[in-house]
N, C-alpha and C. Protein backbone atom coordinates (compact mmCIF):
# COMPACT_ATOMS: atom_id res chain seq x y z
N MET A 1 198.10 34.08 -170.38
CA MET A 1 197.66 32.78 -170.59
C MET A 1 196.50 32.51 -169.92
N ARG A 2 195.29 32.18 -170.53
CA ARG A 2 193.95 32.08 -169.86
C ARG A 2 193.87 30.73 -169.21
N THR A 3 193.23 30.68 -168.07
CA THR A 3 193.13 29.54 -167.29
C THR A 3 191.57 29.07 -167.46
N ARG A 4 191.28 27.92 -167.47
CA ARG A 4 189.84 27.51 -167.32
C ARG A 4 189.51 26.53 -166.22
N LYS A 5 188.13 26.41 -165.77
CA LYS A 5 188.03 25.80 -164.75
C LYS A 5 187.64 24.33 -164.97
N GLN A 6 187.92 23.23 -164.35
CA GLN A 6 187.61 21.95 -164.66
C GLN A 6 187.01 21.28 -163.42
N LEU A 7 185.84 20.55 -163.78
CA LEU A 7 184.93 19.96 -162.57
C LEU A 7 185.68 18.81 -162.07
N THR A 8 185.92 19.04 -160.70
CA THR A 8 186.49 17.70 -160.13
C THR A 8 185.50 16.45 -160.10
N PRO A 9 185.77 15.37 -159.89
CA PRO A 9 184.92 14.18 -160.02
C PRO A 9 183.86 14.39 -158.67
N LEU A 10 184.54 14.61 -157.45
CA LEU A 10 183.77 14.98 -156.39
C LEU A 10 182.83 16.27 -156.72
N GLY A 11 183.23 17.14 -157.28
CA GLY A 11 182.27 18.23 -157.69
C GLY A 11 181.32 17.98 -158.72
N ALA A 12 181.43 17.10 -159.44
CA ALA A 12 180.32 16.52 -160.44
C ALA A 12 179.29 15.70 -159.73
N VAL A 13 179.79 15.08 -158.69
CA VAL A 13 178.76 14.45 -157.77
C VAL A 13 177.99 15.39 -156.93
N GLY A 14 178.74 16.30 -156.25
CA GLY A 14 177.89 17.41 -155.60
C GLY A 14 177.00 18.22 -156.50
N ALA A 15 177.37 18.54 -157.53
CA ALA A 15 176.68 19.41 -158.65
C ALA A 15 175.63 18.53 -159.00
N GLY A 16 175.86 17.25 -159.33
CA GLY A 16 174.70 16.41 -159.83
C GLY A 16 173.62 16.09 -158.65
N LEU A 17 173.87 16.11 -157.51
CA LEU A 17 172.89 15.97 -156.52
C LEU A 17 171.88 17.03 -156.34
N ALA A 18 172.57 18.41 -156.46
CA ALA A 18 171.86 19.62 -156.31
C ALA A 18 171.12 19.93 -157.55
N ALA A 19 171.61 19.36 -158.85
CA ALA A 19 170.90 19.42 -160.17
C ALA A 19 169.72 18.57 -160.05
N GLY A 20 169.69 17.35 -159.34
CA GLY A 20 168.89 16.42 -159.42
C GLY A 20 167.60 16.99 -158.45
N VAL A 21 167.91 17.84 -157.47
CA VAL A 21 166.73 18.52 -156.70
C VAL A 21 166.22 19.43 -157.72
N ILE A 22 166.97 20.13 -158.49
CA ILE A 22 166.24 21.27 -159.38
C ILE A 22 165.33 20.55 -160.54
N GLY A 23 166.29 19.48 -160.95
CA GLY A 23 165.30 18.73 -162.19
C GLY A 23 164.08 17.98 -161.44
N THR A 24 164.13 17.37 -160.22
CA THR A 24 163.06 16.81 -159.61
C THR A 24 161.66 17.94 -159.56
N LEU A 25 162.29 18.95 -159.18
CA LEU A 25 161.33 20.10 -158.79
C LEU A 25 160.63 20.61 -160.22
N CYS A 26 161.40 20.53 -161.20
CA CYS A 26 160.77 20.94 -162.56
C CYS A 26 159.61 19.95 -162.85
N MET A 27 160.08 18.52 -162.91
CA MET A 27 159.33 17.60 -163.17
C MET A 27 157.82 17.70 -162.39
N ASP A 28 158.09 17.80 -160.90
CA ASP A 28 156.92 17.99 -159.96
C ASP A 28 156.07 19.05 -160.12
N THR A 29 156.86 20.19 -160.79
CA THR A 29 156.07 21.44 -161.30
C THR A 29 155.20 21.16 -162.45
N VAL A 30 155.72 20.59 -163.42
CA VAL A 30 154.79 20.07 -164.44
C VAL A 30 153.67 19.21 -164.26
N ARG A 31 153.80 18.15 -163.24
CA ARG A 31 152.81 17.41 -162.87
C ARG A 31 151.83 18.20 -162.06
N PHE A 32 152.13 19.05 -160.98
CA PHE A 32 151.38 19.92 -160.26
C PHE A 32 150.57 20.72 -161.09
N LEU A 33 151.09 21.27 -161.98
CA LEU A 33 150.12 22.43 -162.92
C LEU A 33 149.31 21.45 -163.81
N ARG A 34 149.50 20.48 -164.00
CA ARG A 34 148.74 19.61 -164.87
C ARG A 34 147.43 19.23 -164.00
N GLN A 35 147.74 18.48 -162.96
CA GLN A 35 146.58 18.10 -161.98
C GLN A 35 145.83 19.38 -161.51
N ARG A 36 146.49 20.50 -161.35
CA ARG A 36 145.75 21.66 -160.91
C ARG A 36 144.85 22.15 -161.86
N ARG A 37 145.14 22.04 -163.19
CA ARG A 37 144.16 22.39 -164.18
C ARG A 37 142.83 21.46 -164.16
N THR A 38 143.00 20.31 -163.71
CA THR A 38 141.66 19.67 -163.56
C THR A 38 141.12 19.59 -162.22
N ASP A 39 141.39 21.17 -161.72
CA ASP A 39 140.72 21.07 -160.35
C ASP A 39 141.32 20.47 -159.20
N GLY A 40 142.32 19.88 -159.33
CA GLY A 40 143.06 19.20 -158.22
C GLY A 40 143.60 20.27 -156.92
N GLU A 41 144.51 19.65 -156.25
CA GLU A 41 145.07 20.46 -155.20
C GLU A 41 145.55 21.69 -155.69
N HIS A 42 145.47 22.99 -155.00
CA HIS A 42 146.09 24.16 -155.30
C HIS A 42 147.30 24.68 -154.51
N ASN A 43 147.43 23.94 -153.39
CA ASN A 43 148.59 24.22 -152.78
C ASN A 43 149.63 23.11 -153.12
N ALA A 44 150.88 23.90 -153.57
CA ALA A 44 151.91 22.99 -154.22
C ALA A 44 152.71 22.06 -153.00
N LEU A 45 152.75 22.75 -151.88
CA LEU A 45 153.43 21.95 -150.89
C LEU A 45 152.50 20.90 -150.43
N ARG A 46 151.35 20.95 -150.19
CA ARG A 46 150.20 20.12 -149.71
C ARG A 46 150.14 18.79 -150.84
N TRP A 47 150.29 19.33 -152.25
CA TRP A 47 150.26 18.37 -153.06
C TRP A 47 151.70 17.71 -153.09
N GLU A 48 152.85 18.16 -153.00
CA GLU A 48 153.93 17.67 -153.12
C GLU A 48 154.21 16.47 -152.06
N PHE A 49 153.65 16.89 -150.76
CA PHE A 49 153.98 15.91 -149.50
C PHE A 49 152.78 15.47 -149.19
N ALA A 50 151.80 15.19 -150.14
CA ALA A 50 150.66 14.61 -149.89
C ALA A 50 150.58 13.15 -149.00
N GLN A 51 149.84 13.19 -147.92
CA GLN A 51 150.19 11.97 -147.13
C GLN A 51 149.81 10.88 -148.03
N VAL A 52 150.78 9.74 -147.65
CA VAL A 52 150.57 8.33 -148.22
C VAL A 52 150.24 7.35 -146.90
N ARG A 53 149.03 7.03 -146.72
CA ARG A 53 148.56 6.38 -145.41
C ARG A 53 148.82 4.85 -145.27
N THR A 54 148.80 4.17 -146.45
CA THR A 54 149.08 2.84 -146.55
C THR A 54 150.20 2.56 -147.81
N TRP A 55 150.59 1.44 -147.90
CA TRP A 55 151.15 0.60 -148.93
C TRP A 55 150.33 0.59 -150.38
N GLN A 56 149.23 0.65 -150.26
CA GLN A 56 148.20 0.37 -151.46
C GLN A 56 148.32 1.73 -152.18
N GLU A 57 148.38 2.94 -151.20
CA GLU A 57 148.40 4.15 -152.00
C GLU A 57 149.60 4.72 -152.42
N ALA A 58 150.81 3.93 -151.92
CA ALA A 58 152.12 4.35 -152.13
C ALA A 58 152.45 4.23 -153.73
N PRO A 59 153.19 5.48 -154.15
CA PRO A 59 153.47 5.69 -155.65
C PRO A 59 154.70 4.57 -155.85
N ASP A 60 155.04 4.32 -157.12
CA ASP A 60 155.99 3.39 -157.62
C ASP A 60 157.40 3.52 -156.84
N PRO A 61 157.90 4.89 -156.68
CA PRO A 61 159.23 4.79 -155.97
C PRO A 61 159.12 4.46 -154.59
N GLY A 62 157.98 4.55 -153.79
CA GLY A 62 157.64 3.94 -152.63
C GLY A 62 157.72 2.49 -152.56
N GLN A 63 157.06 2.02 -153.54
CA GLN A 63 156.96 0.31 -153.56
C GLN A 63 158.27 -0.09 -153.81
N VAL A 64 159.15 0.49 -154.69
CA VAL A 64 160.42 -0.09 -154.68
C VAL A 64 161.23 0.13 -153.45
N GLY A 65 161.09 1.17 -152.89
CA GLY A 65 161.73 1.42 -151.44
C GLY A 65 161.40 0.30 -150.57
N LYS A 66 159.99 0.22 -150.34
CA LYS A 66 159.33 -0.89 -149.64
C LYS A 66 160.21 -2.41 -149.84
N ARG A 67 160.14 -2.57 -151.06
CA ARG A 67 160.82 -3.80 -151.53
C ARG A 67 162.44 -3.92 -150.92
N LEU A 68 163.01 -2.89 -151.15
CA LEU A 68 164.33 -2.88 -150.83
C LEU A 68 164.73 -3.28 -149.22
N ALA A 69 163.82 -2.06 -148.57
CA ALA A 69 163.82 -2.19 -147.17
C ALA A 69 163.51 -3.49 -146.66
N GLU A 70 162.52 -4.16 -147.19
CA GLU A 70 162.13 -5.40 -146.74
C GLU A 70 163.13 -6.50 -146.81
N ALA A 71 163.71 -6.48 -148.16
CA ALA A 71 164.71 -7.42 -148.35
C ALA A 71 165.86 -7.31 -147.54
N PHE A 72 166.19 -6.22 -147.20
CA PHE A 72 167.45 -5.96 -146.36
C PHE A 72 167.14 -6.39 -144.88
N THR A 73 165.92 -5.89 -144.32
CA THR A 73 165.93 -6.07 -143.00
C THR A 73 165.09 -7.49 -142.62
N LEU A 74 164.33 -8.13 -143.68
CA LEU A 74 163.67 -9.20 -143.68
C LEU A 74 162.54 -9.05 -142.67
N ARG A 75 161.86 -7.74 -142.61
CA ARG A 75 160.65 -7.54 -141.98
C ARG A 75 159.84 -6.73 -142.89
N LYS A 76 158.58 -7.01 -142.55
CA LYS A 76 157.46 -6.44 -143.21
C LYS A 76 157.35 -4.94 -142.62
N LEU A 77 157.34 -4.00 -143.51
CA LEU A 77 157.22 -2.52 -143.02
C LEU A 77 155.67 -2.23 -142.90
N PRO A 78 155.51 -1.48 -141.66
CA PRO A 78 154.11 -0.92 -141.49
C PRO A 78 153.64 0.07 -142.41
N ASP A 79 152.39 0.36 -142.31
CA ASP A 79 151.91 1.31 -143.35
C ASP A 79 152.16 2.68 -143.00
N SER A 80 152.73 2.80 -141.86
CA SER A 80 153.12 4.37 -141.24
C SER A 80 154.51 4.69 -141.93
N ALA A 81 155.15 3.59 -142.43
CA ALA A 81 156.43 3.71 -143.38
C ALA A 81 156.25 4.44 -144.77
N ALA A 82 154.93 4.25 -145.17
CA ALA A 82 154.50 4.34 -146.58
C ALA A 82 155.09 5.80 -146.96
N PHE A 83 154.74 6.86 -146.25
CA PHE A 83 154.89 8.12 -146.63
C PHE A 83 156.41 8.60 -146.69
N PRO A 84 156.99 8.46 -145.60
CA PRO A 84 158.43 8.86 -145.46
C PRO A 84 159.37 7.85 -146.67
N ILE A 85 158.91 6.76 -146.77
CA ILE A 85 159.91 5.84 -147.57
C ILE A 85 159.47 6.49 -149.27
N SER A 86 158.17 6.56 -149.49
CA SER A 86 157.81 7.14 -150.86
C SER A 86 158.50 8.39 -151.07
N ALA A 87 158.53 9.20 -150.26
CA ALA A 87 159.04 10.69 -150.36
C ALA A 87 160.51 10.73 -150.58
N PHE A 88 161.00 9.90 -149.78
CA PHE A 88 162.59 9.67 -149.74
C PHE A 88 163.12 8.92 -151.01
N MET A 89 162.43 8.03 -151.53
CA MET A 89 162.89 7.41 -152.90
C MET A 89 162.35 8.11 -154.01
N HIS A 90 161.29 8.99 -154.06
CA HIS A 90 161.04 10.03 -155.09
C HIS A 90 162.25 10.92 -155.38
N TRP A 91 162.79 11.41 -154.39
CA TRP A 91 163.84 12.47 -154.38
C TRP A 91 165.17 11.75 -154.57
N ALA A 92 165.12 10.74 -153.72
CA ALA A 92 166.65 9.82 -154.14
C ALA A 92 166.74 9.55 -155.52
N TYR A 93 165.76 8.95 -156.25
CA TYR A 93 165.69 8.35 -157.65
C TYR A 93 166.11 9.82 -158.47
N GLY A 94 165.42 10.94 -158.31
CA GLY A 94 165.75 12.08 -158.99
C GLY A 94 167.21 12.61 -158.94
N MET A 95 167.84 12.39 -157.78
CA MET A 95 169.06 12.93 -157.46
C MET A 95 170.11 12.02 -157.86
N GLY A 96 169.78 10.74 -157.84
CA GLY A 96 170.83 9.36 -158.07
C GLY A 96 170.98 9.65 -159.51
N ASN A 97 169.78 9.63 -160.21
CA ASN A 97 169.97 9.80 -161.90
C ASN A 97 170.71 10.82 -162.33
N ALA A 98 170.40 12.07 -161.53
CA ALA A 98 171.17 13.45 -161.91
C ALA A 98 172.75 12.85 -161.64
N VAL A 99 173.26 12.36 -160.63
CA VAL A 99 174.57 12.16 -160.28
C VAL A 99 175.03 11.39 -161.70
N CYS A 100 174.37 10.23 -162.26
CA CYS A 100 174.78 9.69 -163.44
C CYS A 100 174.92 10.62 -164.57
N TYR A 101 173.91 11.40 -164.75
CA TYR A 101 174.16 12.54 -165.74
C TYR A 101 175.27 13.41 -165.62
N SER A 102 175.50 13.68 -164.49
CA SER A 102 176.53 14.81 -164.28
C SER A 102 177.94 14.23 -164.58
N VAL A 103 178.01 13.09 -163.93
CA VAL A 103 179.47 12.44 -164.21
C VAL A 103 179.74 12.19 -165.62
N VAL A 104 178.66 11.66 -166.45
CA VAL A 104 178.91 11.48 -167.87
C VAL A 104 179.02 12.93 -168.49
N SER A 105 178.41 14.06 -168.20
CA SER A 105 178.35 15.22 -168.97
C SER A 105 179.56 15.86 -168.48
N ALA A 106 180.08 15.72 -167.31
CA ALA A 106 181.31 16.41 -166.82
C ALA A 106 182.47 15.74 -167.52
N SER A 107 182.46 14.49 -168.19
CA SER A 107 183.46 13.85 -168.96
C SER A 107 183.51 14.40 -170.31
N LEU A 108 182.59 15.14 -170.87
CA LEU A 108 182.39 15.51 -172.15
C LEU A 108 183.37 16.62 -172.45
N ARG A 109 183.64 16.83 -173.78
CA ARG A 109 184.45 18.06 -174.02
C ARG A 109 183.46 19.37 -173.90
N LYS A 110 182.29 19.38 -174.50
CA LYS A 110 181.41 20.42 -174.55
C LYS A 110 179.96 20.03 -174.06
N PRO A 111 179.80 19.89 -172.86
CA PRO A 111 178.53 19.75 -172.28
C PRO A 111 177.48 20.56 -172.75
N HIS A 112 176.35 20.30 -173.17
CA HIS A 112 175.21 21.14 -173.39
C HIS A 112 173.91 20.97 -172.82
N VAL A 113 173.23 21.99 -172.44
CA VAL A 113 171.90 21.91 -171.86
C VAL A 113 170.96 21.08 -172.48
N LEU A 114 170.97 21.16 -173.72
CA LEU A 114 169.94 20.29 -174.58
C LEU A 114 170.30 18.96 -174.65
N TYR A 115 171.26 18.42 -173.89
CA TYR A 115 171.59 16.95 -173.67
C TYR A 115 170.61 16.59 -172.49
N GLY A 116 169.98 17.39 -172.03
CA GLY A 116 168.92 17.06 -171.05
C GLY A 116 167.82 16.32 -171.67
N LEU A 117 167.50 16.64 -172.93
CA LEU A 117 166.25 16.00 -173.71
C LEU A 117 166.46 14.74 -173.90
N PRO A 118 167.41 14.21 -174.34
CA PRO A 118 167.58 12.73 -174.51
C PRO A 118 167.76 11.92 -173.15
N TYR A 119 168.29 12.74 -172.26
CA TYR A 119 168.62 12.21 -171.01
C TYR A 119 167.21 12.02 -170.16
N GLY A 120 166.24 12.98 -170.38
CA GLY A 120 165.01 12.93 -169.74
C GLY A 120 164.30 11.86 -170.31
N ALA A 121 164.31 11.81 -171.75
CA ALA A 121 163.63 10.50 -172.64
C ALA A 121 164.05 9.31 -171.96
N LEU A 122 165.46 9.18 -171.82
CA LEU A 122 166.19 7.82 -171.38
C LEU A 122 165.54 7.43 -169.99
N VAL A 123 165.43 8.49 -169.05
CA VAL A 123 164.98 8.12 -167.84
C VAL A 123 163.68 7.68 -167.87
N TRP A 124 162.78 8.21 -168.74
CA TRP A 124 161.31 8.08 -168.88
C TRP A 124 161.39 6.58 -169.53
N LEU A 125 162.03 6.24 -170.47
CA LEU A 125 161.96 4.81 -171.09
C LEU A 125 162.51 3.88 -170.14
N SER A 126 163.48 4.13 -169.33
CA SER A 126 163.97 3.15 -168.28
C SER A 126 162.97 2.81 -167.34
N GLY A 127 162.03 3.72 -167.00
CA GLY A 127 160.87 3.20 -165.99
C GLY A 127 159.86 2.36 -166.82
N TYR A 128 159.87 2.48 -168.24
CA TYR A 128 158.91 1.51 -168.73
C TYR A 128 159.55 0.19 -169.09
N VAL A 129 160.81 0.23 -168.93
CA VAL A 129 161.52 -1.35 -169.15
C VAL A 129 161.50 -1.82 -167.95
N LEU A 130 162.07 -1.06 -166.78
CA LEU A 130 162.44 -1.77 -165.48
C LEU A 130 161.18 -1.98 -164.65
N LEU A 131 160.16 -1.03 -164.43
CA LEU A 131 159.07 -1.25 -163.75
C LEU A 131 158.22 -2.31 -164.19
N PRO A 132 157.95 -2.87 -165.28
CA PRO A 132 157.46 -3.90 -165.67
C PRO A 132 157.93 -5.15 -165.50
N ILE A 133 159.21 -5.34 -165.32
CA ILE A 133 159.96 -6.45 -164.78
C ILE A 133 159.63 -6.54 -163.19
N ALA A 134 159.53 -5.49 -162.49
CA ALA A 134 159.37 -5.44 -161.08
C ALA A 134 157.76 -5.73 -160.74
N GLY A 135 157.12 -5.85 -161.90
CA GLY A 135 155.53 -6.00 -161.64
C GLY A 135 154.75 -4.53 -161.31
N LEU A 136 155.48 -3.30 -161.34
CA LEU A 136 154.76 -2.29 -160.80
C LEU A 136 154.19 -1.53 -161.90
N TYR A 137 154.62 -1.99 -163.32
CA TYR A 137 153.92 -1.14 -164.27
C TYR A 137 153.45 -2.32 -165.24
N LYS A 138 152.62 -2.01 -166.35
CA LYS A 138 152.04 -2.81 -167.31
C LYS A 138 153.34 -2.57 -168.46
N PRO A 139 153.31 -3.45 -169.35
CA PRO A 139 154.14 -3.15 -170.74
C PRO A 139 153.80 -1.79 -171.29
N ILE A 140 154.70 -1.07 -171.99
CA ILE A 140 154.63 0.09 -172.42
C ILE A 140 153.48 0.34 -173.50
N TRP A 141 153.22 -0.82 -174.19
CA TRP A 141 152.47 -0.74 -175.30
C TRP A 141 150.79 -0.96 -174.78
N THR A 142 150.59 -1.23 -173.59
CA THR A 142 149.30 -1.08 -172.90
C THR A 142 148.75 0.27 -172.45
N TYR A 143 149.67 1.18 -172.40
CA TYR A 143 149.33 2.59 -172.13
C TYR A 143 148.77 3.44 -173.26
N ASP A 144 147.92 4.23 -173.08
CA ASP A 144 147.46 5.04 -174.18
C ASP A 144 148.31 6.26 -174.39
N THR A 145 148.27 7.00 -175.60
CA THR A 145 149.27 7.66 -176.05
C THR A 145 149.29 9.13 -175.02
N LYS A 146 148.09 9.45 -174.37
CA LYS A 146 147.82 10.78 -173.63
C LYS A 146 148.72 10.46 -172.27
N THR A 147 148.57 9.13 -171.70
CA THR A 147 149.43 8.79 -170.45
C THR A 147 150.88 8.89 -170.74
N LEU A 148 151.29 8.33 -171.81
CA LEU A 148 152.76 8.06 -172.15
C LEU A 148 153.07 9.65 -172.43
N GLY A 149 152.29 10.37 -173.15
CA GLY A 149 152.93 11.71 -173.62
C GLY A 149 153.03 12.53 -172.27
N ASP A 150 152.10 12.45 -171.37
CA ASP A 150 152.17 13.15 -169.96
C ASP A 150 153.32 12.98 -169.31
N ASP A 151 153.47 11.53 -169.29
CA ASP A 151 154.63 11.07 -168.45
C ASP A 151 156.11 11.46 -169.25
N LEU A 152 156.11 11.35 -170.59
CA LEU A 152 157.25 11.91 -171.13
C LEU A 152 157.49 13.26 -171.03
N THR A 153 156.68 14.14 -171.25
CA THR A 153 156.79 15.66 -170.97
C THR A 153 157.45 15.91 -169.63
N ALA A 154 156.93 15.46 -168.51
CA ALA A 154 157.45 15.56 -167.32
C ALA A 154 158.85 15.06 -167.04
N HIS A 155 159.17 13.92 -167.96
CA HIS A 155 160.42 13.57 -167.75
C HIS A 155 161.43 14.53 -168.63
N LEU A 156 160.87 15.02 -169.67
CA LEU A 156 161.87 16.08 -170.52
C LEU A 156 161.97 17.24 -169.42
N ALA A 157 161.22 17.59 -168.78
CA ALA A 157 161.18 18.84 -167.95
C ALA A 157 162.24 18.59 -166.88
N TYR A 158 162.19 17.29 -166.48
CA TYR A 158 163.12 16.76 -165.52
C TYR A 158 164.52 16.87 -166.24
N GLY A 159 164.81 16.38 -167.27
CA GLY A 159 165.97 16.22 -168.07
C GLY A 159 166.73 17.55 -168.25
N VAL A 160 165.73 18.65 -168.63
CA VAL A 160 166.23 19.97 -169.05
C VAL A 160 166.59 20.80 -167.66
N GLY A 161 165.66 20.46 -166.76
CA GLY A 161 166.11 21.23 -165.70
C GLY A 161 167.31 20.68 -164.90
N THR A 162 167.46 19.54 -164.91
CA THR A 162 168.69 18.87 -164.33
C THR A 162 169.86 19.30 -165.20
N SER A 163 169.87 19.22 -166.44
CA SER A 163 170.95 19.61 -167.37
C SER A 163 171.29 21.11 -167.44
N SER A 164 170.13 22.06 -167.03
CA SER A 164 170.37 23.39 -166.90
C SER A 164 170.98 23.74 -165.55
N ALA A 165 170.64 22.90 -164.54
CA ALA A 165 171.27 23.38 -163.23
C ALA A 165 172.67 22.72 -163.03
N PHE A 166 172.96 21.56 -163.78
CA PHE A 166 174.25 21.23 -163.76
C PHE A 166 175.14 22.04 -164.54
N TRP A 167 174.68 22.49 -165.75
CA TRP A 167 175.53 23.48 -166.50
C TRP A 167 175.95 24.65 -165.56
N LEU A 168 174.86 25.10 -165.05
CA LEU A 168 175.16 26.32 -164.18
C LEU A 168 176.15 26.06 -162.94
N LEU A 169 175.78 25.09 -162.26
CA LEU A 169 176.60 24.68 -161.08
C LEU A 169 178.15 24.25 -161.50
N SER A 170 178.13 23.66 -162.55
CA SER A 170 179.66 23.22 -163.05
C SER A 170 180.44 24.43 -163.40
N ARG A 171 179.90 25.52 -163.41
CA ARG A 171 180.78 26.71 -163.57
C ARG A 171 181.09 27.37 -162.31
N VAL A 172 180.49 26.89 -160.98
CA VAL A 172 180.74 27.49 -159.65
C VAL A 172 181.93 26.93 -159.17
N SER A 173 182.85 27.85 -158.57
CA SER A 173 184.35 27.46 -158.13
C SER A 173 184.18 26.44 -157.16
N VAL A 174 183.01 26.26 -156.36
CA VAL A 174 183.17 25.39 -155.23
C VAL A 174 183.21 23.89 -155.93
N PHE A 175 182.87 23.59 -157.08
CA PHE A 175 182.61 22.22 -157.72
C PHE A 175 183.64 22.16 -158.57
N SER A 176 184.52 23.24 -158.73
CA SER A 176 185.86 22.85 -159.80
C SER A 176 187.01 23.46 -159.31
N ARG A 177 187.90 23.26 -160.25
CA ARG A 177 189.56 23.70 -159.80
C ARG A 177 189.81 24.42 -161.05
N GLN A 178 190.83 25.37 -160.82
CA GLN A 178 191.56 26.15 -161.79
C GLN A 178 192.59 25.22 -162.51
N LEU A 179 192.61 25.23 -164.06
CA LEU A 179 193.50 24.77 -164.56
C LEU A 179 194.48 25.78 -165.18
């Protein structure tokens, strides 16, 4: 009798966190290579961890983190917090979304790597729905097709990177149990 491995719920969360790191790296690689072609930064680490000196320079994940932190602490955050909060939120968003994907994917009878494509597109679209409500983005129809296409392809890379990593990690015994 053949046994098969089943992912535990905690295993799905753990594999999802790790898959989120891989997916975020895939997305950032697409964006890094794209900006490098236009004679941007050539050092990947310097680009990934570019200093954010003020809240006005902070990217959208940092702005969301600022709003959350200020709402909970009832204190205005100094500009010196812009970089660490922006970096933390960027990675937390990628990993948190991947946990959601992993829990859903682990419950499917036959998870597939290509499910990462609609997942990446859904993450992309959710940003264009939620961030305008937060006042951080304009409505999606105000963006040109190149901007939307560049953003979509980066999110598709995130989705496929996440789903591929999760598929591999879900087969590692540390995340699963024998049935």
